PDB file of N, CA and C in Angstrom:
ATOM      1  N   UNK A   1     -54.786  -8.957  27.382  1.00  0.00           N
ATOM      2  CA  UNK A   1     -56.074  -9.496  26.593  1.00  0.00           C
ATOM      3  C   UNK A   1     -57.133  -9.149  27.746  1.00  0.00           C
ATOM      4  N   UNK A   2     -58.335  -8.860  27.126  1.00  0.00           N
ATOM      5  CA  UNK A   2     -59.461  -8.702  27.925  1.00  0.00           C
ATOM      6  C   UNK A   2     -60.300  -9.884  28.034  1.00  0.00           C
ATOM      7  N   UNK A   3     -60.890 -10.068  29.226  1.00  0.00           N
ATOM      8  CA  UNK A   3     -61.768 -11.311  29.656  1.00  0.00           C
ATOM      9  C   UNK A   3     -63.069 -10.962  29.039  1.00  0.00           C
ATOM     10  N   UNK A   4     -64.112 -11.989  29.003  1.00  0.00           N
ATOM     11  CA  UNK A   4     -65.448 -11.635  28.465  1.00  0.00           C
ATOM     12  C   UNK A   4     -66.249 -10.696  29.321  1.00  0.00           C
ATOM     13  N   UNK A   5     -66.066 -10.423  30.643  1.00  0.00           N
ATOM     14  CA  UNK A   5     -66.782  -9.536  31.346  1.00  0.00           C
ATOM     15  C   UNK A   5     -66.318  -8.012  31.034  1.00  0.00           C
ATOM     16  N   UNK A   6     -65.119  -7.889  30.758  1.00  0.00           N
ATOM     17  CA  UNK A   6     -64.545  -6.809  30.311  1.00  0.00           C
ATOM     18  C   UNK A   6     -65.154  -6.236  29.007  1.00  0.00           C
ATOM     19  N   UNK A   7     -64.901  -7.202  28.120  1.00  0.00           N
ATOM     20  CA  UNK A   7     -65.498  -6.946  26.663  1.00  0.00           C
ATOM     21  C   UNK A   7     -67.113  -6.714  26.829  1.00  0.00           C
ATOM     22  N   UNK A   8     -67.630  -7.306  27.433  1.00  0.00           N
ATOM     23  CA  UNK A   8     -69.121  -7.216  27.602  1.00  0.00           C
ATOM     24  C   UNK A   8     -69.419  -5.814  28.089  1.00  0.00           C
ATOM     25  N   UNK A   9     -68.735  -5.249  29.223  1.00  0.00           N
ATOM     26  CA  UNK A   9     -68.723  -4.007  29.749  1.00  0.00           C
ATOM     27  C   UNK A   9     -68.366  -3.024  28.650  1.00  0.00           C
ATOM     28  N   UNK A  10     -67.529  -3.137  27.902  1.00  0.00           N
ATOM     29  CA  UNK A  10     -66.988  -2.113  26.862  1.00  0.00           C
ATOM     30  C   UNK A  10     -68.157  -1.980  25.822  1.00  0.00           C
ATOM     31  N   UNK A  11     -68.615  -3.185  25.317  1.00  0.00           N
ATOM     32  CA  UNK A  11     -69.712  -3.173  24.276  1.00  0.00           C
ATOM     33  C   UNK A  11     -70.979  -2.595  24.972  1.00  0.00           C
ATOM     34  N   UNK A  12     -71.313  -2.934  26.093  1.00  0.00           N
ATOM     35  CA  UNK A  12     -72.427  -2.185  26.810  1.00  0.00           C
ATOM     36  C   UNK A  12     -72.208  -0.652  26.839  1.00  0.00           C
ATOM     37  N   UNK A  13     -71.164  -0.295  27.167  1.00  0.00           N
ATOM     38  CA  UNK A  13     -70.945   1.239  27.248  1.00  0.00           C
ATOM     39  C   UNK A  13     -70.916   1.868  25.776  1.00  0.00           C
ATOM     40  N   UNK A  14     -70.432   1.185  24.947  1.00  0.00           N
ATOM     41  CA  UNK A  14     -70.467   1.645  23.541  1.00  0.00           C
ATOM     42  C   UNK A  14     -71.901   1.878  22.957  1.00  0.00           C
ATOM     43  N   UNK A  15     -72.781   0.815  23.365  1.00  0.00           N
ATOM     44  CA  UNK A  15     -74.071   0.936  22.797  1.00  0.00           C
ATOM     45  C   UNK A  15     -74.904   2.020  23.615  1.00  0.00           C
ATOM     46  N   UNK A  16     -74.435   2.166  24.880  1.00  0.00           N
ATOM     47  CA  UNK A  16     -75.124   3.131  25.649  1.00  0.00           C
ATOM     48  C   UNK A  16     -74.750   4.574  25.232  1.00  0.00           C
ATOM     49  N   UNK A  17     -73.561   4.783  25.060  1.00  0.00           N
ATOM     50  CA  UNK A  17     -73.097   6.172  24.211  1.00  0.00           C
ATOM     51  C   UNK A  17     -73.701   6.372  23.066  1.00  0.00           C
ATOM     52  N   UNK A  18     -73.918   5.339  22.127  1.00  0.00           N
ATOM     53  CA  UNK A  18     -74.333   5.393  20.752  1.00  0.00           C
ATOM     54  C   UNK A  18     -76.050   5.718  20.962  1.00  0.00           C
ATOM     55  N   UNK A  19     -76.639   5.046  21.918  1.00  0.00           N
ATOM     56  CA  UNK A  19     -78.025   5.274  22.028  1.00  0.00           C
ATOM     57  C   UNK A  19     -78.425   6.761  22.727  1.00  0.00           C
ATOM     58  N   UNK A  20     -77.437   7.216  23.665  1.00  0.00           N
ATOM     59  CA  UNK A  20     -77.555   8.510  24.215  1.00  0.00           C
ATOM     60  C   UNK A  20     -77.453   9.763  23.286  1.00  0.00           C
ATOM     61  N   UNK A  21     -75.955   9.685  22.589  1.00  0.00           N
ATOM     62  CA  UNK A  21     -75.688  10.711  21.854  1.00  0.00           C
ATOM     63  C   UNK A  21     -76.282  10.549  20.288  1.00  0.00           C
ATOM     64  N   UNK A  22     -76.647   9.469  19.879  1.00  0.00           N
ATOM     65  CA  UNK A  22     -76.804   9.341  18.605  1.00  0.00           C
ATOM     66  C   UNK A  22     -78.452   9.026  18.092  1.00  0.00           C
ATOM     67  N   UNK A  23     -79.144   8.609  19.221  1.00  0.00           N
ATOM     68  CA  UNK A  23     -80.415   8.092  19.039  1.00  0.00           C
ATOM     69  C   UNK A  23     -80.459   6.569  18.853  1.00  0.00           C
ATOM     70  N   UNK A  24     -81.807   6.344  18.463  1.00  0.00           N
ATOM     71  CA  UNK A  24     -82.134   4.916  18.164  1.00  0.00           C
ATOM     72  C   UNK A  24     -81.360   4.179  16.871  1.00  0.00           C
ATOM     73  N   UNK A  25     -81.171   4.975  15.836  1.00  0.00           N
ATOM     74  CA  UNK A  25     -80.599   4.337  14.647  1.00  0.00           C
ATOM     75  C   UNK A  25     -79.149   4.251  14.851  1.00  0.00           C
ATOM     76  N   UNK A  26     -78.434   5.090  15.589  1.00  0.00           N
ATOM     77  CA  UNK A  26     -77.022   5.075  15.949  1.00  0.00           C
ATOM     78  C   UNK A  26     -76.851   3.731  16.732  1.00  0.00           C
ATOM     79  N   UNK A  27     -77.722   3.488  17.779  1.00  0.00           N
ATOM     80  CA  UNK A  27     -77.836   2.287  18.657  1.00  0.00           C
ATOM     81  C   UNK A  27     -77.937   1.077  17.802  1.00  0.00           C
ATOM     82  N   UNK A  28     -78.657   1.099  16.984  1.00  0.00           N
ATOM     83  CA  UNK A  28     -78.926  -0.166  16.036  1.00  0.00           C
ATOM     84  C   UNK A  28     -77.590  -0.383  15.151  1.00  0.00           C
ATOM     85  N   UNK A  29     -77.240   0.828  14.637  1.00  0.00           N
ATOM     86  CA  UNK A  29     -76.070   0.477  13.849  1.00  0.00           C
ATOM     87  C   UNK A  29     -74.703  -0.113  14.620  1.00  0.00           C
ATOM     88  N   UNK A  30     -74.538   0.510  15.836  1.00  0.00           N
ATOM     89  CA  UNK A  30     -73.415  -0.039  16.673  1.00  0.00           C
ATOM     90  C   UNK A  30     -73.755  -1.632  17.169  1.00  0.00           C
ATOM     91  N   UNK A  31     -74.950  -1.866  17.254  1.00  0.00           N
ATOM     92  CA  UNK A  31     -75.417  -3.177  17.697  1.00  0.00           C
ATOM     93  C   UNK A  31     -75.028  -4.167  16.462  1.00  0.00           C
ATOM     94  N   UNK A  32     -75.418  -3.804  15.262  1.00  0.00           N
ATOM     95  CA  UNK A  32     -75.224  -4.795  14.142  1.00  0.00           C
ATOM     96  C   UNK A  32     -73.895  -4.828  13.746  1.00  0.00           C
ATOM     97  N   UNK A  33     -73.002  -3.751  13.756  1.00  0.00           N
ATOM     98  CA  UNK A  33     -71.663  -3.767  13.579  1.00  0.00           C
ATOM     99  C   UNK A  33     -71.054  -4.476  14.700  1.00  0.00           C
ATOM    100  N   UNK A  34     -71.362  -4.492  15.764  1.00  0.00           N
ATOM    101  CA  UNK A  34     -70.846  -5.137  17.031  1.00  0.00           C
ATOM    102  C   UNK A  34     -70.980  -6.689  16.825  1.00  0.00           C
ATOM    103  N   UNK A  35     -72.128  -7.007  16.381  1.00  0.00           N
ATOM    104  CA  UNK A  35     -72.464  -8.340  16.116  1.00  0.00           C
ATOM    105  C   UNK A  35     -71.616  -8.940  15.037  1.00  0.00           C
ATOM    106  N   UNK A  36     -71.621  -8.322  14.009  1.00  0.00           N
ATOM    107  CA  UNK A  36     -70.706  -8.685  12.733  1.00  0.00           C
ATOM    108  C   UNK A  36     -69.227  -8.788  13.217  1.00  0.00           C
ATOM    109  N   UNK A  37     -68.869  -7.807  13.880  1.00  0.00           N
ATOM    110  CA  UNK A  37     -67.256  -8.023  14.587  1.00  0.00           C
ATOM    111  C   UNK A  37     -67.255  -9.257  15.369  1.00  0.00           C
ATOM    112  N   UNK A  38     -68.157  -9.335  16.169  1.00  0.00           N
ATOM    113  CA  UNK A  38     -68.183 -10.689  16.848  1.00  0.00           C
ATOM    114  C   UNK A  38     -68.010 -11.888  16.164  1.00  0.00           C
ATOM    115  N   UNK A  39     -68.764 -12.017  15.361  1.00  0.00           N
ATOM    116  CA  UNK A  39     -68.676 -13.330  14.295  1.00  0.00           C
ATOM    117  C   UNK A  39     -67.379 -13.338  13.688  1.00  0.00           C
ATOM    118  N   UNK A  40     -66.857 -12.233  13.088  1.00  0.00           N
ATOM    119  CA  UNK A  40     -65.612 -12.283  12.236  1.00  0.00           C
ATOM    120  C   UNK A  40     -64.606 -12.717  13.210  1.00  0.00           C
ATOM    121  N   UNK A  41     -64.392 -12.045  14.644  1.00  0.00           N
ATOM    122  CA  UNK A  41     -63.646 -12.398  15.475  1.00  0.00           C
ATOM    123  C   UNK A  41     -63.558 -13.678  16.073  1.00  0.00           C
ATOM    124  N   UNK A  42     -64.868 -14.336  16.259  1.00  0.00           N
ATOM    125  CA  UNK A  42     -64.912 -15.636  16.589  1.00  0.00           C
ATOM    126  C   UNK A  42     -64.353 -16.667  15.455  1.00  0.00           C
ATOM    127  N   UNK A  43     -64.658 -16.199  14.233  1.00  0.00           N
ATOM    128  CA  UNK A  43     -64.139 -17.066  13.032  1.00  0.00           C
ATOM    129  C   UNK A  43     -62.595 -17.000  12.875  1.00  0.00           C
ATOM    130  N   UNK A  44     -61.943 -15.928  13.028  1.00  0.00           N
ATOM    131  CA  UNK A  44     -60.640 -15.883  13.196  1.00  0.00           C
ATOM    132  C   UNK A  44     -59.940 -16.492  14.147  1.00  0.00           C
ATOM    133  N   UNK A  45     -60.502 -16.303  15.439  1.00  0.00           N
ATOM    134  CA  UNK A  45     -59.969 -17.064  16.485  1.00  0.00           C
ATOM    135  C   UNK A  45     -60.078 -18.463  16.426  1.00  0.00           C
ATOM    136  N   UNK A  46     -61.176 -18.938  15.803  1.00  0.00           N
ATOM    137  CA  UNK A  46     -61.209 -20.526  15.561  1.00  0.00           C
ATOM    138  C   UNK A  46     -62.425 -21.019  16.338  1.00  0.00           C
ATOM    139  N   UNK A  47     -63.087 -20.104  17.334  1.00  0.00           N
ATOM    140  CA  UNK A  47     -64.214 -20.667  17.972  1.00  0.00           C
ATOM    141  C   UNK A  47     -65.545 -20.771  17.292  1.00  0.00           C
ATOM    142  N   UNK A  48     -65.633 -20.256  16.017  1.00  0.00           N
ATOM    143  CA  UNK A  48     -66.848 -20.416  15.223  1.00  0.00           C
ATOM    144  C   UNK A  48     -66.556 -21.313  14.097  1.00  0.00           C
ATOM    145  N   UNK A  49     -67.233 -22.625  14.055  1.00  0.00           N
ATOM    146  CA  UNK A  49     -66.937 -23.348  12.734  1.00  0.00           C
ATOM    147  C   UNK A  49     -68.349 -23.587  12.207  1.00  0.00           C
ATOM    148  N   UNK A  50     -68.651 -22.775  11.226  1.00  0.00           N
ATOM    149  CA  UNK A  50     -70.007 -23.028  10.655  1.00  0.00           C
ATOM    150  C   UNK A  50     -70.298 -24.370  10.000  1.00  0.00           C
ATOM    151  N   UNK A  51     -69.329 -25.061   9.493  1.00  0.00           N
ATOM    152  CA  UNK A  51     -69.413 -26.417   8.823  1.00  0.00           C
ATOM    153  C   UNK A  51     -69.923 -27.455   9.711  1.00  0.00           C
ATOM    154  N   UNK A  52     -69.304 -27.394  10.975  1.00  0.00           N
ATOM    155  CA  UNK A  52     -69.689 -28.329  11.937  1.00  0.00           C
ATOM    156  C   UNK A  52     -71.100 -28.198  12.391  1.00  0.00           C
ATOM    157  N   UNK A  53     -71.441 -26.943  12.574  1.00  0.00           N
ATOM    158  CA  UNK A  53     -72.808 -26.683  12.979  1.00  0.00           C
ATOM    159  C   UNK A  53     -73.751 -26.959  11.897  1.00  0.00           C
ATOM    160  N   UNK A  54     -73.618 -27.014  10.725  1.00  0.00           N
ATOM    161  CA  UNK A  54     -74.314 -27.334   9.574  1.00  0.00           C
ATOM    162  C   UNK A  54     -74.465 -28.800   9.530  1.00  0.00           C
ATOM    163  N   UNK A  55     -73.463 -29.658   9.779  1.00  0.00           N
ATOM    164  CA  UNK A  55     -73.520 -31.020   9.590  1.00  0.00           C
ATOM    165  C   UNK A  55     -74.365 -31.690  10.895  1.00  0.00           C
ATOM    166  N   UNK A  56     -74.484 -30.953  12.046  1.00  0.00           N
ATOM    167  CA  UNK A  56     -75.247 -31.561  13.036  1.00  0.00           C
ATOM    168  C   UNK A  56     -76.913 -31.549  12.760  1.00  0.00           C
ATOM    169  N   UNK A  57     -77.202 -30.672  12.000  1.00  0.00           N
ATOM    170  CA  UNK A  57     -78.616 -30.531  11.676  1.00  0.00           C
ATOM    171  C   UNK A  57     -79.323 -31.648  10.812  1.00  0.00           C
TER     172      UNK A  57
END
């Protein structure tokens, strides 16, 4: 398993490559899809509970 520092490094490198080789729109696409994947991963892992956060408000 990767720790958070390694995951952050991989995400930063992916965004850097997308920005360098694909331009601004590729950078944005990778950023949005990465954020969506993070939310799905946190939900599957059980670290993201949207019902608890809605009840606190």
